[in-house]
Amino acid sequence: MIHEEVLRSINRTLSWLIDHESHMYIGKLIEKTFSILRDISDVYPATALNGILNMGKGVYKTDESDLVNFFIDSVIALGFQTPMISGVGEDWQLKVNSAHILNIRTWLKLIELNPKWSTRLLSDMIIHLSLGGVFIKDIDLFPRDITRLLNSKIGPVFNLAKQLARIFPVYFNDIGAEGKLRDISTEIDELSHRKDILIHFLRKQSHVESSSRILGFMEAILHFWATRKKENLKPFVPLNIYSQIETKGPYIDGVHAIVSHLNERGFVLPDDLLALEENELSKVFKNISGVERNDFKRVELLSIFYRLLNQKYNIGHIELNNYITQLSTEAFSDLNRLKKALVIPDVKKKLNMLLDYLDRLKKLILSPETYEIREDIYKKRHITVDIPSMYGSYHEMKFDALGLTFRIESLVNVLFEELVEDIDLNLITKATFYQIHTQLSLFNKALKLDGISSVEMELQLDLLAHSLTISGFTFTQYLDIFKGFALAVKNIINDYFNNIHEENLSRILSHLPVSRIQAKYLPQGAELDTEKLVYRISEIFFRDQIALSL
């Protein structure tokens, strides 16, 4: 406590000095302070991060870009707090690095001071959260942070801000397990009279420690039901619960038969559950015999529960209509335009209308106006496990607009793939070039909406449009135009991804322990040498960033 009080005193002194001393002296002061913070940040991360934020407010206020850059270099060199989730304790609470969420919030608040000057901080944060993972609970009320970010001047770095914002699994309005989520989780638990300890724990966890991690837990349950192997459950349950989970008996035998049948029929779980309507799964069950009705109901409820959670925490287009119904027609008076676009069968027209709607949302998000926050939050304590939780709802126009933007973009990406597949390249005629020009124009429109502008792309579109008005335009000339398009796309990838992240990614990988990198980046089985591992991680990182963009 004495050390922390001393650090707080230093923070207060720093704030005063930055306001009153010369910029040369401030630079030396920053250097000296960060040398101290490096020594204590592991022991007192919260105090160190608070000091960084206070210092940053003063440094950004000087309006000296060189000083701000020096400060950002120092912040980045200090490293980033990863979640470091290490299971669930006997108190039923996740073992997680509490400084992780504080680090996210500290960097976000620094970025908000001047987003245009904070591109390296944005890039570093994107890389750290992509590689090390992000963990945010419903009770962290992170939508407030998103609203604050959107109310800062993100226009000049809109694409980069979106790359960061996409990573956060927070684009929902209901805090905690409310409404249908609570009803379904309770019903599946009651079917076994709360005696299936695994499902009972899932229910309590979803009510008390609600977060996107619940999806991984449910995937582990489905794997257990399919194989009877419970090892995958270990990261998600306390040891005393894990030891009580039986691999044979009334709570596994029936559901195992059902899930095994689904696997035999070619179902890919859990992915195929997302594509099924609520009443469709019961039709699939018709050919399964020797299983109690309750077990069918349990599998059906778990699949519904999984779909609801996926809709809540992920930003895909599945269940988009259900998501739209949750939005206020008062706040989004033009929702009927969107609903109309979604039912249009013509892919090109649908794309055009969706892109127009995305344009309206972008203007709302980037507007200087601040909107009313409608927040109804209630706190309670669960008697069984003595853990505080909260429930309620959060609505704010820009936050809701961004969540809707991401979900529409997911659908737009699918529609673009359909358009590309629709082009017949076996016989290329002038009509084919007209078709290609139309689709590339739509693609360019989408890029602009995502904050990506390319003079080269515009030039090639003009050349292609001009070529369609000329008779006798040769195949070689068309080939030159499309080589120009290929170069334009390559330069877009360099300007908005490679040049921004490549150097930062290499630096972070040189210091980040492999144990703190998410499993999807690491090879299964044989270990790779350092050079090959860095190449693999870089390839996956850039592929994901580009694929997730509009």
Protein backbone atom coordinates (compact mmCIF):
# COMPACT_ATOMS: atom_id res chain seq x y z
CA MET A 1 0.00 0.00 0.00
CA ILE A 2 2.88 2.38 0.80
CA HIS A 3 4.38 1.81 -2.67
CA GLU A 4 1.02 2.46 -4.34
CA GLU A 5 0.53 5.69 -2.40
CA VAL A 6 4.00 6.86 -3.45
CA LEU A 7 3.13 6.11 -7.09
CA ARG A 8 -0.10 8.07 -6.81
CA SER A 9 1.86 11.00 -5.42
CA ILE A 10 4.28 10.76 -8.37
CA ASN A 11 1.29 10.77 -10.75
CA ARG A 12 -0.04 13.99 -9.24
CA THR A 13 3.40 15.62 -9.41
CA LEU A 14 3.83 14.53 -13.05
CA SER A 15 0.53 16.09 -14.05
CA TRP A 16 1.63 19.42 -12.56
CA LEU A 17 5.11 19.30 -14.15
CA ILE A 18 3.75 18.53 -17.63
CA ASP A 19 1.49 21.57 -17.37
CA HIS A 20 4.29 23.90 -16.25
CA GLU A 21 7.67 22.71 -17.59
CA SER A 22 9.37 22.98 -21.01
CA HIS A 23 8.83 20.26 -23.59
CA MET A 24 12.50 19.22 -23.47
CA TYR A 25 12.25 18.69 -19.72
CA ILE A 26 8.94 16.83 -20.12
CA GLY A 27 10.61 14.37 -22.55
CA LYS A 28 13.31 13.55 -19.99
CA LEU A 29 10.64 13.27 -17.31
CA ILE A 30 8.64 10.79 -19.42
CA GLU A 31 11.77 8.69 -20.00
CA LYS A 32 12.62 8.61 -16.29
CA THR A 33 9.04 7.86 -15.23
CA PHE A 34 8.67 4.95 -17.63
CA SER A 35 11.94 3.43 -16.41
CA ILE A 36 10.31 3.36 -12.94
CA LEU A 37 7.00 2.02 -14.30
CA ARG A 38 8.80 -0.84 -16.07
CA ASP A 39 10.07 -2.04 -12.71
CA ILE A 40 6.72 -1.94 -10.91
CA SER A 41 4.08 -2.52 -13.61
CA ASP A 42 3.96 -6.29 -12.98
CA VAL A 43 3.41 -5.78 -9.25
CA TYR A 44 1.15 -2.71 -9.38
CA PRO A 45 -0.36 -2.79 -12.89
CA ALA A 46 -3.46 -0.75 -11.98
CA THR A 47 -1.43 2.09 -10.47
CA ALA A 48 1.02 2.03 -13.38
CA LEU A 49 -1.80 2.20 -15.94
CA ASN A 50 -3.47 5.01 -14.04
CA GLY A 51 -0.16 6.89 -14.09
CA ILE A 52 0.17 6.35 -17.84
CA LEU A 53 -3.31 7.75 -18.42
CA ASN A 54 -2.71 10.83 -16.27
CA MET A 55 0.63 11.44 -17.98
CA GLY A 56 -0.97 10.93 -21.40
CA LYS A 57 -3.68 13.49 -20.75
CA GLY A 58 -1.01 16.07 -19.99
CA VAL A 59 1.21 15.10 -22.93
CA TYR A 60 -1.61 15.13 -25.50
CA LYS A 61 -2.72 18.51 -24.12
CA THR A 62 0.66 20.04 -25.12
CA ASP A 63 -0.38 19.56 -28.76
CA GLU A 64 3.24 18.69 -29.61
CA SER A 65 3.22 15.72 -32.02
CA ASP A 66 6.89 14.82 -31.37
CA LEU A 67 6.26 14.67 -27.63
CA VAL A 68 3.09 12.61 -28.13
CA ASN A 69 4.98 10.18 -30.38
CA PHE A 70 7.73 9.81 -27.78
CA PHE A 71 5.10 9.15 -25.12
CA ILE A 72 3.34 6.54 -27.32
CA ASP A 73 6.69 4.81 -27.94
CA SER A 74 7.15 4.58 -24.17
CA VAL A 75 3.61 3.24 -23.61
CA ILE A 76 4.06 0.58 -26.29
CA ALA A 77 7.46 -0.46 -24.91
CA LEU A 78 5.83 -1.15 -21.54
CA GLY A 79 3.80 -3.99 -23.09
CA PHE A 80 0.18 -5.04 -22.86
CA GLN A 81 -1.74 -7.05 -20.25
CA THR A 82 -3.19 -10.19 -21.89
CA PRO A 83 -6.21 -11.98 -20.32
CA MET A 84 -4.16 -15.00 -19.15
CA ILE A 85 -7.29 -17.01 -18.33
CA SER A 86 -6.30 -20.01 -16.22
CA GLY A 87 -9.58 -21.78 -15.57
CA VAL A 88 -12.37 -21.39 -13.04
CA GLY A 89 -11.83 -21.22 -9.28
CA GLU A 90 -13.73 -23.11 -6.60
CA ASP A 91 -15.66 -19.87 -6.02
CA TRP A 92 -17.04 -20.35 -9.58
CA GLN A 93 -15.29 -17.21 -10.81
CA LEU A 94 -12.91 -17.10 -13.77
CA LYS A 95 -9.21 -16.79 -13.01
CA VAL A 96 -8.29 -13.89 -15.27
CA ASN A 97 -5.76 -11.07 -15.28
CA SER A 98 -7.77 -8.18 -13.80
CA ALA A 99 -5.37 -5.65 -15.36
CA HIS A 100 -6.41 -6.78 -18.87
CA ILE A 101 -9.65 -4.79 -19.04
CA LEU A 102 -7.94 -1.86 -17.32
CA ASN A 103 -5.18 -1.89 -19.96
CA ILE A 104 -7.78 -1.87 -22.76
CA ARG A 105 -9.59 1.05 -21.18
CA THR A 106 -6.39 3.01 -20.54
CA TRP A 107 -5.22 2.72 -24.15
CA LEU A 108 -8.69 3.52 -25.47
CA LYS A 109 -8.83 6.69 -23.38
CA LEU A 110 -5.43 7.72 -24.73
CA ILE A 111 -6.55 7.06 -28.30
CA GLU A 112 -9.70 9.12 -27.76
CA LEU A 113 -7.59 12.17 -26.87
CA ASN A 114 -6.42 12.36 -30.51
CA PRO A 115 -7.19 9.30 -32.67
CA LYS A 116 -5.28 10.67 -35.68
CA TRP A 117 -2.05 10.85 -33.64
CA SER A 118 -2.63 7.42 -32.09
CA THR A 119 -2.41 5.10 -35.10
CA ARG A 120 0.50 3.10 -33.65
CA LEU A 121 -1.40 2.68 -30.39
CA LEU A 122 -4.45 1.51 -32.36
CA SER A 123 -2.30 -0.93 -34.35
CA ASP A 124 -0.57 -2.31 -31.26
CA MET A 125 -3.90 -2.81 -29.53
CA ILE A 126 -5.36 -4.63 -32.55
CA ILE A 127 -2.34 -6.96 -32.64
CA HIS A 128 -2.27 -7.64 -28.89
CA LEU A 129 -6.01 -8.39 -28.71
CA SER A 130 -5.92 -10.53 -31.87
CA LEU A 131 -2.95 -12.61 -30.72
CA GLY A 132 -3.49 -12.72 -26.96
CA GLY A 133 -7.28 -12.68 -26.96
CA VAL A 134 -9.80 -10.35 -25.39
CA PHE A 135 -11.93 -11.04 -22.34
CA ILE A 136 -14.78 -8.73 -21.40
CA LYS A 137 -17.68 -9.60 -19.11
CA ASP A 138 -21.17 -8.22 -19.52
CA ILE A 139 -20.81 -6.61 -16.09
CA ASP A 140 -17.84 -4.56 -17.35
CA LEU A 141 -20.45 -2.47 -19.23
CA PHE A 142 -18.01 -2.06 -22.11
CA PRO A 143 -20.63 -0.55 -24.48
CA ARG A 144 -19.99 2.69 -22.57
CA ASP A 145 -16.36 2.57 -23.75
CA ILE A 146 -17.44 1.99 -27.36
CA THR A 147 -19.76 4.99 -27.19
CA ARG A 148 -16.93 7.16 -25.87
CA LEU A 149 -14.60 5.98 -28.66
CA LEU A 150 -17.23 6.74 -31.32
CA ASN A 151 -17.74 10.21 -29.87
CA SER A 152 -14.04 10.99 -30.35
CA LYS A 153 -12.64 12.21 -33.69
CA ILE A 154 -12.15 8.82 -35.36
CA GLY A 155 -12.99 10.06 -38.89
CA PRO A 156 -9.36 10.29 -40.14
CA VAL A 157 -8.63 6.75 -38.85
CA PHE A 158 -12.07 5.25 -39.43
CA ASN A 159 -10.83 2.02 -40.99
CA LEU A 160 -8.29 1.41 -38.23
CA ALA A 161 -10.84 2.24 -35.54
CA LYS A 162 -13.19 -0.32 -37.09
CA GLN A 163 -10.45 -2.95 -37.19
CA LEU A 164 -10.12 -2.47 -33.44
CA ALA A 165 -13.82 -2.21 -32.68
CA ARG A 166 -14.60 -5.49 -34.51
CA ILE A 167 -12.49 -7.41 -32.00
CA PHE A 168 -14.68 -6.56 -29.00
CA PRO A 169 -17.54 -9.08 -28.43
CA VAL A 170 -19.85 -6.43 -26.96
CA TYR A 171 -22.39 -5.42 -29.61
CA PHE A 172 -25.57 -6.35 -27.77
CA ASN A 173 -28.12 -4.44 -25.72
CA ASP A 174 -29.14 -6.89 -22.99
CA ILE A 175 -26.65 -7.12 -20.13
CA GLY A 176 -26.42 -10.57 -18.54
CA ALA A 177 -28.70 -13.53 -19.34
CA GLU A 178 -32.06 -11.86 -19.73
CA GLY A 179 -35.34 -12.69 -21.43
CA LYS A 180 -35.20 -15.74 -23.67
CA LEU A 181 -31.60 -16.53 -22.68
CA ARG A 182 -32.61 -16.84 -19.03
CA ASP A 183 -35.76 -18.82 -19.89
CA ILE A 184 -33.93 -21.34 -22.10
CA SER A 185 -31.00 -21.85 -19.71
CA THR A 186 -33.41 -22.37 -16.82
CA GLU A 187 -35.61 -24.79 -18.77
CA ILE A 188 -32.73 -27.03 -19.85
CA ASP A 189 -31.50 -27.19 -16.24
CA GLU A 190 -34.97 -27.99 -14.89
CA LEU A 191 -35.40 -30.88 -17.36
CA SER A 192 -32.87 -32.84 -15.29
CA HIS A 193 -34.19 -31.32 -12.03
CA ARG A 194 -30.88 -29.43 -11.66
CA LYS A 195 -29.10 -32.77 -11.10
CA ASP A 196 -26.95 -32.66 -14.25
CA ILE A 197 -24.09 -30.81 -12.60
CA LEU A 198 -22.55 -29.74 -15.93
CA ILE A 199 -25.73 -28.11 -17.25
CA HIS A 200 -26.50 -26.62 -13.84
CA PHE A 201 -23.07 -24.98 -13.80
CA LEU A 202 -23.58 -23.73 -17.38
CA ARG A 203 -26.83 -22.11 -16.30
CA LYS A 204 -25.27 -20.40 -13.27
CA GLN A 205 -22.20 -19.33 -15.24
CA SER A 206 -24.34 -17.76 -17.96
CA HIS A 207 -26.32 -15.84 -15.34
CA VAL A 208 -23.43 -14.75 -13.13
CA GLU A 209 -20.27 -14.58 -15.31
CA SER A 210 -21.87 -13.88 -18.67
CA SER A 211 -19.32 -13.30 -21.44
CA SER A 212 -18.45 -14.54 -24.94
CA ARG A 213 -16.44 -17.31 -23.25
CA ILE A 214 -19.76 -19.10 -22.64
CA LEU A 215 -19.80 -19.98 -26.36
CA GLY A 216 -16.52 -21.89 -25.99
CA PHE A 217 -17.94 -23.63 -22.92
CA MET A 218 -21.01 -24.75 -24.87
CA GLU A 219 -18.84 -26.02 -27.73
CA ALA A 220 -16.91 -28.08 -25.16
CA ILE A 221 -20.23 -29.48 -23.86
CA LEU A 222 -21.28 -30.49 -27.38
CA HIS A 223 -17.90 -32.18 -27.87
CA PHE A 224 -18.39 -34.03 -24.57
CA TRP A 225 -21.89 -35.12 -25.57
CA ALA A 226 -20.51 -36.38 -28.91
CA THR A 227 -17.46 -38.25 -27.57
CA ARG A 228 -18.00 -38.80 -23.80
CA LYS A 229 -14.48 -37.36 -23.41
CA LYS A 230 -14.55 -34.58 -20.84
CA GLU A 231 -10.99 -33.19 -21.10
CA ASN A 232 -12.15 -30.19 -23.16
CA LEU A 233 -14.40 -29.15 -20.27
CA LYS A 234 -11.51 -28.66 -17.84
CA PRO A 235 -10.78 -24.98 -18.69
CA PHE A 236 -14.44 -24.06 -18.16
CA VAL A 237 -15.37 -25.66 -14.83
CA PRO A 238 -13.93 -25.77 -11.28
CA LEU A 239 -12.04 -28.94 -10.34
CA ASN A 240 -14.71 -30.05 -7.87
CA ILE A 241 -17.35 -29.83 -10.64
CA TYR A 242 -15.08 -31.53 -13.18
CA SER A 243 -14.52 -34.51 -10.88
CA GLN A 244 -18.29 -35.05 -10.59
CA ILE A 245 -19.00 -35.11 -14.34
CA GLU A 246 -19.86 -38.69 -15.33
CA THR A 247 -19.02 -40.08 -18.78
CA LYS A 248 -21.79 -42.67 -18.51
CA GLY A 249 -25.24 -42.44 -16.98
CA PRO A 250 -28.63 -40.75 -17.39
CA TYR A 251 -27.22 -37.27 -18.11
CA ILE A 252 -24.93 -38.31 -20.97
CA ASP A 253 -26.19 -41.57 -22.55
CA GLY A 254 -29.27 -40.16 -24.33
CA VAL A 255 -27.70 -36.92 -25.53
CA HIS A 256 -24.63 -38.85 -26.67
CA ALA A 257 -26.82 -41.06 -28.89
CA ILE A 258 -28.50 -38.00 -30.41
CA VAL A 259 -25.34 -35.97 -31.06
CA SER A 260 -23.56 -39.06 -32.43
CA HIS A 261 -26.47 -39.53 -34.86
CA LEU A 262 -26.15 -35.90 -35.97
CA ASN A 263 -22.42 -36.40 -36.60
CA GLU A 264 -23.11 -39.57 -38.60
CA ARG A 265 -25.56 -37.63 -40.76
CA GLY A 266 -22.81 -35.17 -41.63
CA PHE A 267 -23.70 -32.38 -39.24
CA VAL A 268 -20.74 -30.16 -38.37
CA LEU A 269 -21.29 -29.08 -34.78
CA PRO A 270 -21.75 -26.42 -33.61
CA ASP A 271 -21.68 -24.57 -36.98
CA ASP A 272 -24.68 -26.33 -38.51
CA LEU A 273 -26.80 -25.54 -35.45
CA LEU A 274 -26.60 -21.86 -36.39
CA ALA A 275 -28.23 -22.48 -39.77
CA LEU A 276 -31.22 -24.39 -38.36
CA GLU A 277 -34.49 -22.75 -37.39
CA GLU A 278 -35.85 -23.59 -33.93
CA ASN A 279 -38.39 -26.12 -35.23
CA GLU A 280 -36.07 -27.78 -37.77
CA LEU A 281 -33.94 -29.75 -35.32
CA SER A 282 -36.94 -31.74 -34.07
CA LYS A 283 -37.47 -32.98 -37.67
CA VAL A 284 -33.90 -34.28 -37.74
CA PHE A 285 -34.58 -36.29 -34.57
CA LYS A 286 -37.35 -38.39 -36.16
CA ASN A 287 -35.10 -41.28 -37.20
CA ILE A 288 -33.49 -41.70 -33.78
CA SER A 289 -34.95 -44.42 -31.55
CA GLY A 290 -34.34 -45.62 -28.01
CA VAL A 291 -33.85 -42.15 -26.55
CA GLU A 292 -36.07 -40.42 -24.02
CA ARG A 293 -38.09 -37.37 -25.04
CA ASN A 294 -36.34 -35.26 -22.39
CA ASP A 295 -32.96 -35.89 -24.01
CA PHE A 296 -34.25 -34.67 -27.39
CA LYS A 297 -35.53 -31.58 -25.64
CA ARG A 298 -32.18 -31.00 -23.91
CA VAL A 299 -30.25 -31.11 -27.20
CA GLU A 300 -32.82 -28.86 -28.85
CA LEU A 301 -32.68 -26.31 -26.01
CA LEU A 302 -28.87 -26.32 -25.95
CA SER A 303 -28.81 -25.61 -29.69
CA ILE A 304 -31.29 -22.72 -29.26
CA PHE A 305 -29.26 -21.41 -26.33
CA TYR A 306 -26.08 -21.57 -28.44
CA ARG A 307 -27.74 -19.71 -31.32
CA LEU A 308 -28.99 -16.97 -29.00
CA LEU A 309 -25.54 -16.51 -27.47
CA ASN A 310 -23.92 -16.52 -30.91
CA GLN A 311 -26.32 -13.80 -32.03
CA LYS A 312 -25.46 -11.82 -28.89
CA TYR A 313 -21.65 -12.01 -28.89
CA ASN A 314 -20.75 -12.47 -32.58
CA ILE A 315 -21.32 -9.99 -35.39
CA GLY A 316 -22.33 -12.35 -38.17
CA HIS A 317 -25.46 -11.90 -40.29
CA ILE A 318 -27.20 -15.04 -39.00
CA GLU A 319 -30.32 -14.00 -37.06
CA LEU A 320 -29.96 -10.46 -38.48
CA ASN A 321 -33.74 -10.08 -38.65
CA ASN A 322 -34.06 -10.96 -34.97
CA TYR A 323 -31.35 -8.44 -34.13
CA ILE A 324 -33.15 -5.71 -36.09
CA THR A 325 -36.38 -6.29 -34.17
CA GLN A 326 -34.52 -5.44 -30.94
CA LEU A 327 -33.60 -1.98 -32.25
CA SER A 328 -35.77 1.02 -31.54
CA THR A 329 -37.76 2.26 -34.53
CA GLU A 330 -37.74 5.67 -32.84
CA ALA A 331 -33.94 5.78 -32.90
CA PHE A 332 -33.68 4.17 -36.35
CA SER A 333 -36.68 5.62 -38.13
CA ASP A 334 -35.51 4.19 -41.47
CA LEU A 335 -35.34 0.53 -40.40
CA ASN A 336 -38.05 -0.28 -42.94
CA ARG A 337 -35.54 0.56 -45.71
CA LEU A 338 -33.24 -2.10 -44.31
CA LYS A 339 -36.03 -4.66 -43.92
CA LYS A 340 -37.07 -4.02 -47.51
CA ALA A 341 -33.49 -4.54 -48.73
CA LEU A 342 -33.19 -7.86 -46.91
CA VAL A 343 -36.14 -9.45 -48.75
CA ILE A 344 -35.17 -8.32 -52.26
CA PRO A 345 -34.18 -11.46 -54.26
CA ASP A 346 -31.96 -9.63 -56.77
CA VAL A 347 -28.44 -9.76 -55.30
CA LYS A 348 -27.19 -6.63 -57.08
CA LYS A 349 -30.15 -4.52 -55.98
CA LYS A 350 -29.92 -5.90 -52.46
CA LEU A 351 -26.22 -5.03 -52.29
CA ASN A 352 -26.84 -1.50 -53.52
CA MET A 353 -29.57 -0.91 -50.95
CA LEU A 354 -27.49 -2.39 -48.12
CA LEU A 355 -24.49 -0.24 -49.06
CA ASP A 356 -26.74 2.83 -49.11
CA TYR A 357 -27.98 1.92 -45.64
CA LEU A 358 -24.40 1.42 -44.42
CA ASP A 359 -23.64 4.91 -45.71
CA ARG A 360 -26.45 6.32 -43.54
CA LEU A 361 -25.08 4.45 -40.52
CA LYS A 362 -21.54 5.68 -41.17
CA LYS A 363 -22.73 9.30 -41.30
CA LEU A 364 -24.52 8.79 -37.99
CA ILE A 365 -21.43 7.22 -36.37
CA LEU A 366 -19.10 9.99 -37.57
CA SER A 367 -21.47 12.85 -36.83
CA PRO A 368 -20.28 15.35 -34.16
CA GLU A 369 -23.61 14.93 -32.39
CA THR A 370 -23.74 13.05 -29.08
CA TYR A 371 -26.83 10.98 -28.38
CA GLU A 372 -28.72 10.16 -25.22
CA ILE A 373 -27.61 7.00 -23.42
CA ARG A 374 -30.51 4.84 -22.25
CA GLU A 375 -29.11 2.61 -19.57
CA ASP A 376 -31.19 0.48 -17.20
CA ILE A 377 -28.79 -1.50 -15.04
CA TYR A 378 -29.70 -3.49 -11.93
CA LYS A 379 -27.26 -5.17 -9.55
CA LYS A 380 -27.81 -8.30 -7.50
CA ARG A 381 -25.87 -10.98 -5.63
CA HIS A 382 -26.34 -14.70 -6.30
CA ILE A 383 -26.87 -16.38 -2.95
CA THR A 384 -25.74 -19.85 -4.09
CA VAL A 385 -22.24 -18.77 -5.09
CA ASP A 386 -22.12 -15.35 -3.41
CA ILE A 387 -21.05 -13.60 -6.62
CA PRO A 388 -22.31 -10.14 -7.57
CA SER A 389 -23.87 -9.77 -11.02
CA MET A 390 -25.99 -7.33 -12.93
CA TYR A 391 -28.63 -7.31 -15.60
CA GLY A 392 -30.43 -4.71 -17.66
CA SER A 393 -29.94 -2.98 -21.00
CA TYR A 394 -27.82 -0.37 -22.76
CA HIS A 395 -28.83 1.69 -25.79
CA GLU A 396 -27.05 4.55 -27.52
CA MET A 397 -27.43 5.52 -31.16
CA LYS A 398 -23.79 5.33 -32.32
CA PHE A 399 -23.14 2.10 -30.42
CA ASP A 400 -26.27 0.47 -31.86
CA ALA A 401 -25.38 1.79 -35.33
CA LEU A 402 -21.91 0.22 -35.19
CA GLY A 403 -23.29 -3.15 -34.06
CA LEU A 404 -25.79 -3.06 -36.91
CA THR A 405 -23.04 -1.97 -39.34
CA PHE A 406 -20.87 -4.98 -38.52
CA ARG A 407 -23.77 -7.41 -38.97
CA ILE A 408 -24.84 -5.90 -42.30
CA GLU A 409 -21.21 -5.96 -43.49
CA SER A 410 -21.08 -9.68 -42.74
CA LEU A 411 -24.05 -10.20 -45.07
CA VAL A 412 -22.58 -7.86 -47.70
CA ASN A 413 -19.40 -9.95 -47.83
CA VAL A 414 -21.48 -13.07 -48.53
CA LEU A 415 -23.42 -11.27 -51.26
CA PHE A 416 -20.18 -10.12 -52.91
CA GLU A 417 -19.05 -13.75 -53.06
CA GLU A 418 -22.35 -14.67 -54.74
CA LEU A 419 -21.88 -11.90 -57.30
CA VAL A 420 -18.36 -13.07 -58.14
CA GLU A 421 -19.58 -16.65 -58.60
CA ASP A 422 -22.30 -15.35 -60.92
CA ILE A 423 -19.76 -14.15 -63.51
CA ASP A 424 -19.27 -16.67 -66.33
CA LEU A 425 -15.60 -16.48 -67.31
CA ASN A 426 -15.77 -19.41 -69.72
CA LEU A 427 -16.96 -17.09 -72.49
CA ILE A 428 -15.87 -13.47 -72.04
CA THR A 429 -17.93 -10.97 -74.03
CA LYS A 430 -18.48 -7.22 -73.82
CA ALA A 431 -21.48 -7.96 -71.61
CA THR A 432 -19.07 -9.69 -69.23
CA PHE A 433 -16.99 -6.51 -68.97
CA TYR A 434 -20.13 -4.47 -68.23
CA GLN A 435 -20.96 -6.95 -65.48
CA ILE A 436 -17.43 -6.75 -64.08
CA HIS A 437 -17.50 -2.94 -64.13
CA THR A 438 -20.78 -2.89 -62.19
CA GLN A 439 -19.45 -5.28 -59.57
CA LEU A 440 -16.13 -3.47 -59.18
CA SER A 441 -18.02 -0.18 -58.76
CA LEU A 442 -20.00 -1.77 -55.92
CA PHE A 443 -16.78 -3.10 -54.45
CA ASN A 444 -15.21 0.37 -54.57
CA LYS A 445 -18.30 1.83 -52.91
CA ALA A 446 -17.93 -0.72 -50.11
CA LEU A 447 -14.24 0.12 -49.67
CA LYS A 448 -15.06 3.82 -49.23
CA LEU A 449 -17.68 2.97 -46.62
CA ASP A 450 -15.02 1.02 -44.73
CA GLY A 451 -12.75 4.07 -44.68
CA ILE A 452 -10.55 2.88 -47.56
CA SER A 453 -9.96 5.23 -50.48
CA SER A 454 -7.87 4.47 -53.56
CA VAL A 455 -7.14 6.91 -56.38
CA GLU A 456 -5.73 3.98 -58.38
CA MET A 457 -8.97 2.03 -58.06
CA GLU A 458 -10.98 5.07 -59.20
CA LEU A 459 -8.66 5.55 -62.18
CA GLN A 460 -8.95 1.92 -63.30
CA LEU A 461 -12.75 2.08 -62.99
CA ASP A 462 -12.78 5.18 -65.20
CA LEU A 463 -10.54 3.43 -67.75
CA LEU A 464 -12.77 0.36 -67.78
CA ALA A 465 -15.90 2.51 -68.15
CA HIS A 466 -14.27 4.41 -71.03
CA SER A 467 -13.23 1.16 -72.74
CA LEU A 468 -16.86 0.05 -72.87
CA THR A 469 -17.71 3.07 -75.05
CA ILE A 470 -14.99 2.29 -77.60
CA SER A 471 -15.32 -0.27 -80.36
CA GLY A 472 -12.31 -2.40 -81.14
CA PHE A 473 -10.80 -2.27 -77.65
CA THR A 474 -8.31 -5.15 -77.65
CA PHE A 475 -7.93 -8.03 -75.24
CA THR A 476 -4.38 -6.84 -74.45
CA GLN A 477 -5.71 -3.41 -73.51
CA TYR A 478 -8.29 -5.00 -71.19
CA LEU A 479 -5.49 -7.08 -69.70
CA ASP A 480 -3.54 -3.91 -68.90
CA ILE A 481 -6.58 -2.43 -67.13
CA PHE A 482 -6.99 -5.53 -64.96
CA LYS A 483 -3.29 -5.55 -64.15
CA GLY A 484 -3.92 -2.00 -62.92
CA PHE A 485 -6.79 -3.27 -60.73
CA ALA A 486 -4.52 -5.98 -59.29
CA LEU A 487 -1.89 -3.36 -58.46
CA ALA A 488 -4.53 -1.09 -56.89
CA VAL A 489 -5.74 -3.92 -54.63
CA LYS A 490 -2.15 -4.78 -53.68
CA ASN A 491 -1.50 -1.15 -52.72
CA ILE A 492 -4.72 -0.99 -50.68
CA ILE A 493 -3.58 -4.03 -48.69
CA ASN A 494 -0.17 -2.43 -48.16
CA ASP A 495 -1.53 1.01 -47.21
CA TYR A 496 -4.28 -0.12 -44.84
CA PHE A 497 -2.85 -3.34 -43.41
CA ASN A 498 0.78 -4.29 -44.09
CA ASN A 499 2.39 -0.86 -43.69
CA ILE A 500 0.38 -0.15 -40.54
CA HIS A 501 0.79 -3.47 -38.74
CA GLU A 502 3.83 -5.33 -40.12
CA GLU A 503 6.58 -3.63 -38.12
CA ASN A 504 4.48 -3.55 -34.94
CA LEU A 505 3.59 -7.23 -35.33
CA SER A 506 7.26 -8.24 -35.68
CA ARG A 507 8.21 -6.24 -32.60
CA ILE A 508 5.37 -7.67 -30.48
CA LEU A 509 6.12 -11.25 -31.55
CA SER A 510 9.76 -10.82 -30.52
CA HIS A 511 8.63 -10.23 -26.90
CA LEU A 512 5.30 -12.06 -26.52
CA PRO A 513 5.61 -15.52 -24.90
CA VAL A 514 4.11 -18.31 -27.02
CA SER A 515 2.05 -19.36 -23.97
CA ARG A 516 0.09 -16.10 -24.27
CA ILE A 517 -0.79 -16.52 -27.96
CA GLN A 518 -4.19 -17.92 -28.89
CA ALA A 519 -4.26 -21.55 -30.04
CA LYS A 520 -5.51 -20.79 -33.58
CA TYR A 521 -2.17 -19.12 -34.39
CA LEU A 522 -0.09 -22.07 -33.19
CA PRO A 523 0.64 -25.28 -35.12
CA GLN A 524 -0.84 -28.55 -33.90
CA GLY A 525 1.61 -31.32 -33.19
CA ALA A 526 5.17 -30.62 -34.32
CA GLU A 527 6.74 -27.39 -33.12
CA LEU A 528 7.87 -24.81 -35.66
CA ASP A 529 11.13 -22.95 -35.37
CA THR A 530 10.86 -19.27 -34.45
CA GLU A 531 11.10 -17.98 -38.02
CA LYS A 532 8.39 -20.31 -39.34
CA LEU A 533 6.16 -19.58 -36.34
CA VAL A 534 6.41 -15.82 -36.89
CA TYR A 535 5.58 -16.34 -40.57
CA ARG A 536 2.56 -18.52 -39.70
CA ILE A 537 1.22 -16.07 -37.11
CA SER A 538 1.71 -13.10 -39.45
CA GLU A 539 -0.06 -14.89 -42.29
CA ILE A 540 -3.08 -15.77 -40.12
CA PHE A 541 -3.23 -12.30 -38.59
CA PHE A 542 -3.22 -10.43 -41.92
CA ARG A 543 -5.60 -12.92 -43.54
CA ASP A 544 -8.11 -12.42 -40.71
CA GLN A 545 -7.81 -8.63 -40.72
CA ILE A 546 -8.42 -8.44 -44.46
CA ALA A 547 -11.20 -11.05 -44.46
CA LEU A 548 -13.09 -9.33 -41.64
CA SER A 549 -13.03 -5.98 -43.41
CA LEU A 550 -15.93 -5.04 -45.66
